[in-house]
Amino acid sequence: MVDSEQRRPGRPRSEQARQAILAATLELAADKGPRGLSMEAIARRAGVSKETLYRWWRSKTEVVLEALAERSDETIPLPDEGSLAADLGAFLRDTVVSGDATTQRLLRALAAEAAADPSMADLIRERFIVRRRGALDQILQRAVRRGEISQAGAAIALDLIYGSLWYRLIFGIAPLDNAWAAAVARAIAAVH
């Protein structure tokens, strides 16, 4: 959980228990798919009580969002290779590599929840989308400072990159692969 978020009452989190919960969430999603997730199943797999889960998160969606966000932070570094094309290429390749079948199923399930429930869309945006856009924006802001892209170009690049990613992810119109990563990085870098 982000430090700036307000802590719920109770004992402080055990980092070991938190990591076990996040790992259990992703393991269960891999074994049973998004529908196989429940707070009870996560608690059982992690070896913690349901009360512990509910003390730290209000719903399984919150647990999933934190697990996915932390996994993304760990597996998709913010490269600084000296150019927008190189940085974007590396970032998007790492994004593709980290997007295994389980992650893709979870992201599709989250997109479906967001489409069906505006409050869920707000939660997903606040807990996951903002965090991932912020990571990519760091790369784009370095490019702005180097004069490779304008501030307006960086702002629209965020939407173009993630729009393309989500469009392919949700509708499967083409693969999310290294060819996509390279083409998007070249296209964005070519626009000044």
C-alpha atoms as a PDB file:
ATOM      1  CA  MET A   1       0.000   0.000   0.000  1.00  0.00           C
ATOM      2  CA  VAL A   2       1.267   3.475  -0.771  1.00  0.00           C
ATOM      3  CA  ASP A   3       2.522   5.324   2.309  1.00  0.00           C
ATOM      4  CA  SER A   4       0.331   8.330   1.551  1.00  0.00           C
ATOM      5  CA  GLU A   5      -2.806   6.228   1.864  1.00  0.00           C
ATOM      6  CA  GLN A   6      -4.533   6.356   5.192  1.00  0.00           C
ATOM      7  CA  ARG A   7      -3.870   3.283   7.326  1.00  0.00           C
ATOM      8  CA  ARG A   8      -6.816   1.321   8.620  1.00  0.00           C
ATOM      9  CA  PRO A   9      -7.042   0.549  12.355  1.00  0.00           C
ATOM     10  CA  GLY A  10      -5.251  -2.465  13.801  1.00  0.00           C
ATOM     11  CA  ARG A  11      -1.754  -3.775  14.083  1.00  0.00           C
ATOM     12  CA  PRO A  12       0.850  -2.502  11.639  1.00  0.00           C
ATOM     13  CA  ARG A  13       1.336  -4.626   8.587  1.00  0.00           C
ATOM     14  CA  SER A  14       3.850  -7.408   8.627  1.00  0.00           C
ATOM     15  CA  GLU A  15       5.824  -7.007   5.410  1.00  0.00           C
ATOM     16  CA  GLN A  16       6.336 -10.765   5.291  1.00  0.00           C
ATOM     17  CA  ALA A  17       2.570 -11.381   5.530  1.00  0.00           C
ATOM     18  CA  ARG A  18       1.868  -8.671   2.952  1.00  0.00           C
ATOM     19  CA  GLN A  19       4.307 -10.210   0.479  1.00  0.00           C
ATOM     20  CA  ALA A  20       2.785 -13.658   1.105  1.00  0.00           C
ATOM     21  CA  ILE A  21      -0.679 -12.258   0.392  1.00  0.00           C
ATOM     22  CA  LEU A  22       0.384 -10.542  -2.832  1.00  0.00           C
ATOM     23  CA  ALA A  23       2.205 -13.684  -4.012  1.00  0.00           C
ATOM     24  CA  ALA A  24      -0.770 -15.879  -3.088  1.00  0.00           C
ATOM     25  CA  THR A  25      -3.081 -13.601  -5.048  1.00  0.00           C
ATOM     26  CA  LEU A  26      -1.031 -13.943  -8.227  1.00  0.00           C
ATOM     27  CA  GLU A  27      -0.543 -17.698  -7.700  1.00  0.00           C
ATOM     28  CA  LEU A  28      -4.280 -18.253  -7.263  1.00  0.00           C
ATOM     29  CA  ALA A  29      -5.005 -16.154 -10.326  1.00  0.00           C
ATOM     30  CA  ALA A  30      -2.574 -18.311 -12.299  1.00  0.00           C
ATOM     31  CA  ASP A  31      -4.093 -21.552 -10.970  1.00  0.00           C
ATOM     32  CA  LYS A  32      -7.785 -20.690 -11.032  1.00  0.00           C
ATOM     33  CA  GLY A  33      -8.150 -17.489 -13.048  1.00  0.00           C
ATOM     34  CA  PRO A  34      -9.679 -14.232 -11.816  1.00  0.00           C
ATOM     35  CA  ARG A  35     -12.968 -15.910 -10.922  1.00  0.00           C
ATOM     36  CA  GLY A  36     -11.153 -18.296  -8.599  1.00  0.00           C
ATOM     37  CA  LEU A  37     -10.036 -15.468  -6.381  1.00  0.00           C
ATOM     38  CA  SER A  38     -11.767 -14.799  -3.091  1.00  0.00           C
ATOM     39  CA  MET A  39     -10.588 -13.224   0.118  1.00  0.00           C
ATOM     40  CA  GLU A  40     -10.946 -16.614   1.824  1.00  0.00           C
ATOM     41  CA  ALA A  41      -8.868 -18.404  -0.816  1.00  0.00           C
ATOM     42  CA  ILE A  42      -6.178 -15.699  -0.751  1.00  0.00           C
ATOM     43  CA  ALA A  43      -5.976 -15.841   3.062  1.00  0.00           C
ATOM     44  CA  ARG A  44      -5.770 -19.636   3.042  1.00  0.00           C
ATOM     45  CA  ARG A  45      -3.025 -19.684   0.361  1.00  0.00           C
ATOM     46  CA  ALA A  46      -1.044 -16.935   2.148  1.00  0.00           C
ATOM     47  CA  GLY A  47      -1.409 -18.541   5.571  1.00  0.00           C
ATOM     48  CA  VAL A  48      -3.088 -15.510   7.148  1.00  0.00           C
ATOM     49  CA  SER A  49      -6.527 -14.850   8.541  1.00  0.00           C
ATOM     50  CA  LYS A  50      -9.340 -13.284   6.535  1.00  0.00           C
ATOM     51  CA  GLU A  51      -9.434 -10.616   9.215  1.00  0.00           C
ATOM     52  CA  THR A  52      -5.854  -9.683   8.312  1.00  0.00           C
ATOM     53  CA  LEU A  53      -6.849  -9.277   4.690  1.00  0.00           C
ATOM     54  CA  TYR A  54      -9.885  -7.177   5.492  1.00  0.00           C
ATOM     55  CA  ARG A  55      -7.890  -5.047   7.905  1.00  0.00           C
ATOM     56  CA  TRP A  56      -5.499  -4.110   5.061  1.00  0.00           C
ATOM     57  CA  TRP A  57      -7.778  -4.224   1.999  1.00  0.00           C
ATOM     58  CA  ARG A  58     -11.533  -3.808   1.561  1.00  0.00           C
ATOM     59  CA  SER A  59     -11.906  -6.210  -1.377  1.00  0.00           C
ATOM     60  CA  LYS A  60     -10.124  -8.783  -3.491  1.00  0.00           C
ATOM     61  CA  THR A  61      -9.925  -6.176  -6.267  1.00  0.00           C
ATOM     62  CA  GLU A  62      -7.817  -3.959  -4.002  1.00  0.00           C
ATOM     63  CA  VAL A  63      -5.489  -6.896  -3.295  1.00  0.00           C
ATOM     64  CA  VAL A  64      -5.216  -7.692  -7.013  1.00  0.00           C
ATOM     65  CA  LEU A  65      -4.485  -4.060  -7.862  1.00  0.00           C
ATOM     66  CA  GLU A  66      -1.702  -3.846  -5.294  1.00  0.00           C
ATOM     67  CA  ALA A  67      -0.236  -7.183  -6.410  1.00  0.00           C
ATOM     68  CA  LEU A  68      -0.247  -6.127 -10.062  1.00  0.00           C
ATOM     69  CA  ALA A  69       1.110  -2.645  -9.363  1.00  0.00           C
ATOM     70  CA  GLU A  70       3.981  -3.952  -7.241  1.00  0.00           C
ATOM     71  CA  ARG A  71       4.778  -6.669  -9.783  1.00  0.00           C
ATOM     72  CA  SER A  72       4.867  -4.037 -12.519  1.00  0.00           C
ATOM     73  CA  ASP A  73       7.144  -1.786 -10.451  1.00  0.00           C
ATOM     74  CA  GLU A  74       9.524  -4.719  -9.921  1.00  0.00           C
ATOM     75  CA  THR A  75       9.530  -6.144 -13.460  1.00  0.00           C
ATOM     76  CA  ILE A  76       9.304  -2.991 -15.585  1.00  0.00           C
ATOM     77  CA  PRO A  77      12.232  -0.731 -14.735  1.00  0.00           C
ATOM     78  CA  LEU A  78      12.479   2.863 -15.874  1.00  0.00           C
ATOM     79  CA  PRO A  79      15.341   2.815 -18.370  1.00  0.00           C
ATOM     80  CA  ASP A  80      17.511   5.852 -18.992  1.00  0.00           C
ATOM     81  CA  GLU A  81      19.379   5.002 -22.173  1.00  0.00           C
ATOM     82  CA  GLY A  82      19.735   8.600 -23.310  1.00  0.00           C
ATOM     83  CA  SER A  83      17.017   8.831 -25.951  1.00  0.00           C
ATOM     84  CA  LEU A  84      13.245   8.674 -26.087  1.00  0.00           C
ATOM     85  CA  ALA A  85      13.255   5.887 -28.681  1.00  0.00           C
ATOM     86  CA  ALA A  86      15.627   3.701 -26.642  1.00  0.00           C
ATOM     87  CA  ASP A  87      13.896   4.390 -23.311  1.00  0.00           C
ATOM     88  CA  LEU A  88      10.420   3.739 -24.705  1.00  0.00           C
ATOM     89  CA  GLY A  89      11.575   0.646 -26.557  1.00  0.00           C
ATOM     90  CA  ALA A  90      13.069  -0.845 -23.386  1.00  0.00           C
ATOM     91  CA  PHE A  91      10.091   0.125 -21.213  1.00  0.00           C
ATOM     92  CA  LEU A  92       7.564  -1.323 -23.665  1.00  0.00           C
ATOM     93  CA  ARG A  93       9.582  -4.522 -24.224  1.00  0.00           C
ATOM     94  CA  ASP A  94       9.697  -5.046 -20.465  1.00  0.00           C
ATOM     95  CA  THR A  95       5.967  -4.340 -20.307  1.00  0.00           C
ATOM     96  CA  VAL A  96       5.310  -7.014 -22.938  1.00  0.00           C
ATOM     97  CA  VAL A  97       7.604  -9.535 -21.236  1.00  0.00           C
ATOM     98  CA  SER A  98       5.951  -9.000 -17.840  1.00  0.00           C
ATOM     99  CA  GLY A  99       2.479  -9.414 -19.357  1.00  0.00           C
ATOM    100  CA  ASP A 100       2.161 -13.161 -18.932  1.00  0.00           C
ATOM    101  CA  ALA A 101      -1.175 -14.942 -19.463  1.00  0.00           C
ATOM    102  CA  THR A 102      -2.172 -14.548 -15.810  1.00  0.00           C
ATOM    103  CA  THR A 103      -1.476 -10.820 -15.803  1.00  0.00           C
ATOM    104  CA  GLN A 104      -3.372 -10.385 -19.052  1.00  0.00           C
ATOM    105  CA  ARG A 105      -6.398 -12.294 -17.679  1.00  0.00           C
ATOM    106  CA  LEU A 106      -6.385 -10.162 -14.531  1.00  0.00           C
ATOM    107  CA  LEU A 107      -6.122  -6.935 -16.517  1.00  0.00           C
ATOM    108  CA  ARG A 108      -9.007  -7.988 -18.771  1.00  0.00           C
ATOM    109  CA  ALA A 109     -11.116  -8.807 -15.704  1.00  0.00           C
ATOM    110  CA  LEU A 110     -10.289  -5.414 -14.189  1.00  0.00           C
ATOM    111  CA  ALA A 111     -11.223  -3.673 -17.449  1.00  0.00           C
ATOM    112  CA  ALA A 112     -14.567  -5.501 -17.445  1.00  0.00           C
ATOM    113  CA  GLU A 113     -15.194  -4.436 -13.840  1.00  0.00           C
ATOM    114  CA  ALA A 114     -14.299  -0.843 -14.694  1.00  0.00           C
ATOM    115  CA  ALA A 115     -16.662  -0.855 -17.674  1.00  0.00           C
ATOM    116  CA  ALA A 116     -19.526  -2.174 -15.552  1.00  0.00           C
ATOM    117  CA  ASP A 117     -19.074  -0.065 -12.423  1.00  0.00           C
ATOM    118  CA  PRO A 118     -17.933   3.592 -12.326  1.00  0.00           C
ATOM    119  CA  SER A 119     -16.783   3.293  -8.705  1.00  0.00           C
ATOM    120  CA  MET A 120     -14.668   0.306  -9.686  1.00  0.00           C
ATOM    121  CA  ALA A 121     -13.245   2.333 -12.587  1.00  0.00           C
ATOM    122  CA  ASP A 122     -12.261   5.040 -10.077  1.00  0.00           C
ATOM    123  CA  LEU A 123     -10.563   2.482  -7.822  1.00  0.00           C
ATOM    124  CA  ILE A 124      -8.649   0.867 -10.706  1.00  0.00           C
ATOM    125  CA  ARG A 125      -7.585   4.247 -12.008  1.00  0.00           C
ATOM    126  CA  GLU A 126      -6.416   5.417  -8.562  1.00  0.00           C
ATOM    127  CA  ARG A 127      -4.628   2.229  -7.514  1.00  0.00           C
ATOM    128  CA  PHE A 128      -3.169   0.980 -10.797  1.00  0.00           C
ATOM    129  CA  ILE A 129      -3.572   3.149 -13.879  1.00  0.00           C
ATOM    130  CA  VAL A 130      -2.233   6.341 -12.268  1.00  0.00           C
ATOM    131  CA  ARG A 131       0.793   4.450 -10.986  1.00  0.00           C
ATOM    132  CA  ARG A 132       1.611   2.918 -14.394  1.00  0.00           C
ATOM    133  CA  ARG A 133       1.025   6.205 -16.244  1.00  0.00           C
ATOM    134  CA  GLY A 134       3.291   7.913 -13.718  1.00  0.00           C
ATOM    135  CA  ALA A 135       6.078   5.450 -14.476  1.00  0.00           C
ATOM    136  CA  LEU A 136       5.831   6.046 -18.220  1.00  0.00           C
ATOM    137  CA  ASP A 137       5.510   9.797 -17.669  1.00  0.00           C
ATOM    138  CA  GLN A 138       8.919   9.824 -15.975  1.00  0.00           C
ATOM    139  CA  ILE A 139      10.452   8.567 -19.229  1.00  0.00           C
ATOM    140  CA  LEU A 140       8.505  11.091 -21.270  1.00  0.00           C
ATOM    141  CA  GLN A 141       9.428  13.992 -18.977  1.00  0.00           C
ATOM    142  CA  ARG A 142      13.128  13.162 -19.366  1.00  0.00           C
ATOM    143  CA  ALA A 143      12.568  13.337 -23.140  1.00  0.00           C
ATOM    144  CA  VAL A 144      10.842  16.720 -22.717  1.00  0.00           C
ATOM    145  CA  ARG A 145      13.883  18.017 -20.798  1.00  0.00           C
ATOM    146  CA  ARG A 146      16.178  16.716 -23.571  1.00  0.00           C
ATOM    147  CA  GLY A 147      14.031  18.507 -26.184  1.00  0.00           C
ATOM    148  CA  GLU A 148      12.977  15.264 -27.918  1.00  0.00           C
ATOM    149  CA  ILE A 149       9.249  15.780 -27.428  1.00  0.00           C
ATOM    150  CA  SER A 150       7.049  18.689 -26.395  1.00  0.00           C
ATOM    151  CA  GLN A 151       5.045  18.721 -23.174  1.00  0.00           C
ATOM    152  CA  ALA A 152       1.848  18.438 -25.247  1.00  0.00           C
ATOM    153  CA  GLY A 153       3.382  15.558 -27.200  1.00  0.00           C
ATOM    154  CA  ALA A 154       4.311  13.769 -23.978  1.00  0.00           C
ATOM    155  CA  ALA A 155       0.755  14.134 -22.660  1.00  0.00           C
ATOM    156  CA  ILE A 156      -0.807  12.637 -25.786  1.00  0.00           C
ATOM    157  CA  ALA A 157       1.905   9.941 -25.959  1.00  0.00           C
ATOM    158  CA  LEU A 158       0.676   8.567 -22.620  1.00  0.00           C
ATOM    159  CA  ASP A 159      -2.801   8.078 -24.073  1.00  0.00           C
ATOM    160  CA  LEU A 160      -1.551   6.738 -27.396  1.00  0.00           C
ATOM    161  CA  ILE A 161       0.744   4.179 -25.782  1.00  0.00           C
ATOM    162  CA  TYR A 162      -1.657   2.920 -23.146  1.00  0.00           C
ATOM    163  CA  GLY A 163      -4.634   3.183 -25.504  1.00  0.00           C
ATOM    164  CA  SER A 164      -2.868   0.930 -27.981  1.00  0.00           C
ATOM    165  CA  LEU A 165      -1.833  -1.467 -25.225  1.00  0.00           C
ATOM    166  CA  TRP A 166      -5.312  -1.782 -23.708  1.00  0.00           C
ATOM    167  CA  TYR A 167      -6.970  -2.030 -27.152  1.00  0.00           C
ATOM    168  CA  ARG A 168      -4.765  -4.975 -28.070  1.00  0.00           C
ATOM    169  CA  LEU A 169      -5.069  -6.507 -24.617  1.00  0.00           C
ATOM    170  CA  ILE A 170      -8.858  -6.342 -24.375  1.00  0.00           C
ATOM    171  CA  PHE A 171      -9.867  -7.082 -27.950  1.00  0.00           C
ATOM    172  CA  GLY A 172      -6.932  -9.172 -29.107  1.00  0.00           C
ATOM    173  CA  ILE A 173      -6.804  -7.426 -32.484  1.00  0.00           C
ATOM    174  CA  ALA A 174      -3.041  -8.002 -32.663  1.00  0.00           C
ATOM    175  CA  PRO A 175      -0.401  -9.290 -30.264  1.00  0.00           C
ATOM    176  CA  LEU A 176       1.334  -7.337 -27.549  1.00  0.00           C
ATOM    177  CA  ASP A 177       4.838  -8.351 -28.483  1.00  0.00           C
ATOM    178  CA  ASN A 178       8.296  -6.958 -29.137  1.00  0.00           C
ATOM    179  CA  ALA A 179       7.267  -5.878 -32.644  1.00  0.00           C
ATOM    180  CA  TRP A 180       4.449  -3.777 -31.129  1.00  0.00           C
ATOM    181  CA  ALA A 181       6.855  -2.324 -28.539  1.00  0.00           C
ATOM    182  CA  ALA A 182       9.394  -1.339 -31.192  1.00  0.00           C
ATOM    183  CA  ALA A 183       6.788   0.128 -33.563  1.00  0.00           C
ATOM    184  CA  VAL A 184       5.144   2.228 -30.842  1.00  0.00           C
ATOM    185  CA  ALA A 185       8.497   3.476 -29.554  1.00  0.00           C
ATOM    186  CA  ARG A 186       9.566   4.507 -33.083  1.00  0.00           C
ATOM    187  CA  ALA A 187       6.240   6.190 -33.814  1.00  0.00           C
ATOM    188  CA  ILE A 188       6.217   8.218 -30.596  1.00  0.00           C
ATOM    189  CA  ALA A 189       9.881   9.185 -30.935  1.00  0.00           C
ATOM    190  CA  ALA A 190       9.306  10.338 -34.530  1.00  0.00           C
ATOM    191  CA  VAL A 191       6.719  12.910 -33.429  1.00  0.00           C
ATOM    192  CA  HIS A 192       8.241  16.164 -32.152  1.00  0.00           C
END
